[in-house]
């Protein structure tokens, strides 16, 4: 039982990491698009 709970928590941690990684790259794309729209081009 304990092993199953540990495995479930590990899976949830991985899914959270994937989700936050996607949100982070999505936010970077939005930010880059806004900068391009304003004509500000710097990395």
PDB file of N, CA and C in Angstrom:
ATOM      1  N   UNK A   1       0.833  -1.203   0.000  1.00  0.00           N
ATOM      2  CA  UNK A   1       0.000   0.000   0.000  1.00  0.00           C
ATOM      3  C   UNK A   1       0.873   1.261   0.000  1.00  0.00           C
ATOM      4  N   UNK A   2       1.887   1.247   0.843  1.00  0.00           N
ATOM      5  CA  UNK A   2       2.750   2.422   0.937  1.00  0.00           C
ATOM      6  C   UNK A   2       3.516   2.646  -0.376  1.00  0.00           C
ATOM      7  N   UNK A   3       3.947   1.550  -0.983  1.00  0.00           N
ATOM      8  CA  UNK A   3       4.680   1.658  -2.247  1.00  0.00           C
ATOM      9  C   UNK A   3       3.785   2.254  -3.335  1.00  0.00           C
ATOM     10  N   UNK A   4       2.510   1.852  -3.324  1.00  0.00           N
ATOM     11  CA  UNK A   4       1.583   2.381  -4.326  1.00  0.00           C
ATOM     12  C   UNK A   4       1.393   3.884  -4.139  1.00  0.00           C
ATOM     13  N   UNK A   5       1.249   4.313  -2.897  1.00  0.00           N
ATOM     14  CA  UNK A   5       1.088   5.746  -2.623  1.00  0.00           C
ATOM     15  C   UNK A   5       2.333   6.523  -3.033  1.00  0.00           C
ATOM     16  N   UNK A   6       3.501   5.954  -2.770  1.00  0.00           N
ATOM     17  CA  UNK A   6       4.748   6.616  -3.156  1.00  0.00           C
ATOM     18  C   UNK A   6       4.834   6.734  -4.674  1.00  0.00           C
ATOM     19  N   UNK A   7       4.457   5.666  -5.372  1.00  0.00           N
ATOM     20  CA  UNK A   7       4.494   5.688  -6.837  1.00  0.00           C
ATOM     21  C   UNK A   7       3.511   6.722  -7.379  1.00  0.00           C
ATOM     22  N   UNK A   8       2.336   6.805  -6.762  1.00  0.00           N
ATOM     23  CA  UNK A   8       1.337   7.780  -7.205  1.00  0.00           C
ATOM     24  C   UNK A   8       1.847   9.199  -6.988  1.00  0.00           C
ATOM     25  N   UNK A   9       2.471   9.452  -5.845  1.00  0.00           N
ATOM     26  CA  UNK A   9       3.001  10.787  -5.568  1.00  0.00           C
ATOM     27  C   UNK A   9       4.096  11.147  -6.564  1.00  0.00           C
ATOM     28  N   UNK A  10       4.938  10.157  -6.877  1.00  0.00           N
ATOM     29  CA  UNK A  10       6.017  10.397  -7.835  1.00  0.00           C
ATOM     30  C   UNK A  10       5.433  10.749  -9.205  1.00  0.00           C
ATOM     31  N   UNK A  11       4.404  10.020  -9.611  1.00  0.00           N
ATOM     32  CA  UNK A  11       3.754  10.297 -10.889  1.00  0.00           C
ATOM     33  C   UNK A  11       3.157  11.698 -10.896  1.00  0.00           C
ATOM     34  N   UNK A  12       2.490  12.064  -9.809  1.00  0.00           N
ATOM     35  CA  UNK A  12       1.897  13.395  -9.723  1.00  0.00           C
ATOM     36  C   UNK A  12       2.970  14.485  -9.786  1.00  0.00           C
ATOM     37  N   UNK A  13       4.104  14.241  -9.136  1.00  0.00           N
ATOM     38  CA  UNK A  13       5.200  15.211  -9.183  1.00  0.00           C
ATOM     39  C   UNK A  13       5.697  15.382 -10.612  1.00  0.00           C
ATOM     40  N   UNK A  14       5.817  14.268 -11.335  1.00  0.00           N
ATOM     41  CA  UNK A  14       6.268  14.331 -12.726  1.00  0.00           C
ATOM     42  C   UNK A  14       5.258  15.093 -13.580  1.00  0.00           C
ATOM     43  N   UNK A  15       3.981  14.787 -13.394  1.00  0.00           N
ATOM     44  CA  UNK A  15       2.945  15.481 -14.167  1.00  0.00           C
ATOM     45  C   UNK A  15       2.927  16.972 -13.851  1.00  0.00           C
ATOM     46  N   UNK A  16       3.106  17.315 -12.587  1.00  0.00           N
ATOM     47  CA  UNK A  16       3.174  18.731 -12.200  1.00  0.00           C
ATOM     48  C   UNK A  16       4.355  19.417 -12.878  1.00  0.00           C
ATOM     49  N   UNK A  17       5.494  18.733 -12.911  1.00  0.00           N
ATOM     50  CA  UNK A  17       6.689  19.303 -13.528  1.00  0.00           C
ATOM     51  C   UNK A  17       6.468  19.528 -15.021  1.00  0.00           C
ATOM     52  N   UNK A  18       5.841  18.552 -15.675  1.00  0.00           N
ATOM     53  CA  UNK A  18       5.544  18.691 -17.103  1.00  0.00           C
ATOM     54  C   UNK A  18       4.599  19.864 -17.327  1.00  0.00           C
ATOM     55  N   UNK A  19       3.556  19.938 -16.504  1.00  0.00           N
ATOM     56  CA  UNK A  19       2.567  21.002 -16.638  1.00  0.00           C
ATOM     57  C   UNK A  19       3.209  22.374 -16.439  1.00  0.00           C
ATOM     58  N   UNK A  20       4.013  22.525 -15.390  1.00  0.00           N
ATOM     59  CA  UNK A  20       4.625  23.826 -15.138  1.00  0.00           C
ATOM     60  C   UNK A  20       5.643  24.154 -16.223  1.00  0.00           C
ATOM     61  N   UNK A  21       6.300  23.140 -16.771  1.00  0.00           N
ATOM     62  CA  UNK A  21       7.227  23.363 -17.878  1.00  0.00           C
ATOM     63  C   UNK A  21       6.502  23.866 -19.113  1.00  0.00           C
ATOM     64  N   UNK A  22       5.344  23.284 -19.391  1.00  0.00           N
ATOM     65  CA  UNK A  22       4.539  23.741 -20.527  1.00  0.00           C
ATOM     66  C   UNK A  22       4.067  25.165 -20.315  1.00  0.00           C
ATOM     67  N   UNK A  23       3.592  25.459 -19.106  1.00  0.00           N
ATOM     68  CA  UNK A  23       3.116  26.813 -18.822  1.00  0.00           C
ATOM     69  C   UNK A  23       4.256  27.812 -18.968  1.00  0.00           C
ATOM     70  N   UNK A  24       5.449  27.422 -18.516  1.00  0.00           N
ATOM     71  CA  UNK A  24       6.601  28.310 -18.594  1.00  0.00           C
ATOM     72  C   UNK A  24       6.947  28.621 -20.045  1.00  0.00           C
ATOM     73  N   UNK A  25       7.005  27.596 -20.909  1.00  0.00           N
ATOM     74  CA  UNK A  25       7.346  27.845 -22.303  1.00  0.00           C
ATOM     75  C   UNK A  25       6.227  28.613 -23.005  1.00  0.00           C
ATOM     76  N   UNK A  26       4.981  28.365 -22.611  1.00  0.00           N
ATOM     77  CA  UNK A  26       3.848  29.102 -23.175  1.00  0.00           C
ATOM     78  C   UNK A  26       3.958  30.579 -22.810  1.00  0.00           C
ATOM     79  N   UNK A  27       4.289  30.871 -21.551  1.00  0.00           N
ATOM     80  CA  UNK A  27       4.455  32.255 -21.103  1.00  0.00           C
ATOM     81  C   UNK A  27       5.599  32.929 -21.845  1.00  0.00           C
ATOM     82  N   UNK A  28       6.673  32.197 -22.106  1.00  0.00           N
ATOM     83  CA  UNK A  28       7.800  32.773 -22.843  1.00  0.00           C
ATOM     84  C   UNK A  28       7.389  33.106 -24.270  1.00  0.00           C
ATOM     85  N   UNK A  29       6.578  32.238 -24.887  1.00  0.00           N
ATOM     86  CA  UNK A  29       6.107  32.518 -26.247  1.00  0.00           C
ATOM     87  C   UNK A  29       5.248  33.774 -26.265  1.00  0.00           C
ATOM     88  N   UNK A  30       4.349  33.909 -25.299  1.00  0.00           N
ATOM     89  CA  UNK A  30       3.492  35.094 -25.213  1.00  0.00           C
ATOM     90  C   UNK A  30       4.359  36.344 -25.045  1.00  0.00           C
ATOM     91  N   UNK A  31       5.322  36.263 -24.148  1.00  0.00           N
ATOM     92  CA  UNK A  31       6.207  37.386 -23.875  1.00  0.00           C
ATOM     93  C   UNK A  31       6.990  37.779 -25.129  1.00  0.00           C
ATOM     94  N   UNK A  32       7.502  36.800 -25.854  1.00  0.00           N
ATOM     95  CA  UNK A  32       8.256  37.076 -27.080  1.00  0.00           C
ATOM     96  C   UNK A  32       7.352  37.705 -28.131  1.00  0.00           C
ATOM     97  N   UNK A  33       6.131  37.228 -28.228  1.00  0.00           N
ATOM     98  CA  UNK A  33       5.174  37.778 -29.195  1.00  0.00           C
ATOM     99  C   UNK A  33       4.859  39.233 -28.868  1.00  0.00           C
ATOM    100  N   UNK A  34       4.674  39.526 -27.596  1.00  0.00           N
ATOM    101  CA  UNK A  34       4.394  40.906 -27.186  1.00  0.00           C
ATOM    102  C   UNK A  34       5.568  41.818 -27.515  1.00  0.00           C
ATOM    103  N   UNK A  35       6.787  41.355 -27.255  1.00  0.00           N
ATOM    104  CA  UNK A  35       7.963  42.175 -27.551  1.00  0.00           C
ATOM    105  C   UNK A  35       8.071  42.440 -29.039  1.00  0.00           C
ATOM    106  N   UNK A  36       7.817  41.411 -29.864  1.00  0.00           N
ATOM    107  CA  UNK A  36       7.882  41.585 -31.313  1.00  0.00           C
ATOM    108  C   UNK A  36       6.808  42.550 -31.789  1.00  0.00           C
ATOM    109  N   UNK A  37       5.632  42.477 -31.195  1.00  0.00           N
ATOM    110  CA  UNK A  37       4.539  43.365 -31.588  1.00  0.00           C
ATOM    111  C   UNK A  37       4.886  44.818 -31.282  1.00  0.00           C
ATOM    112  N   UNK A  38       5.658  45.038 -30.218  1.00  0.00           N
ATOM    113  CA  UNK A  38       6.055  46.400 -29.849  1.00  0.00           C
ATOM    114  C   UNK A  38       7.294  46.850 -30.616  1.00  0.00           C
ATOM    115  N   UNK A  39       7.900  45.936 -31.365  1.00  0.00           N
ATOM    116  CA  UNK A  39       9.091  46.269 -32.123  1.00  0.00           C
ATOM    117  C   UNK A  39      10.343  46.273 -31.275  1.00  0.00           C
ATOM    118  N   UNK A  40      10.276  45.665 -30.092  1.00  0.00           N
ATOM    119  CA  UNK A  40      11.457  45.579 -29.232  1.00  0.00           C
ATOM    120  C   UNK A  40      12.089  44.218 -29.474  1.00  0.00           C
ATOM    121  N   UNK A  41      13.263  44.205 -30.065  1.00  0.00           N
ATOM    122  CA  UNK A  41      13.900  42.929 -30.388  1.00  0.00           C
ATOM    123  C   UNK A  41      15.199  42.769 -29.617  1.00  0.00           C
ATOM    124  N   UNK A  42      15.100  42.155 -28.454  1.00  0.00           N
ATOM    125  CA  UNK A  42      16.292  41.778 -27.710  1.00  0.00           C
ATOM    126  C   UNK A  42      16.027  40.463 -27.014  1.00  0.00           C
ATOM    127  N   UNK A  43      17.073  39.679 -26.849  1.00  0.00           N
ATOM    128  CA  UNK A  43      16.914  38.352 -26.250  1.00  0.00           C
ATOM    129  C   UNK A  43      17.233  38.417 -24.778  1.00  0.00           C
TER     130      UNK A  43
END
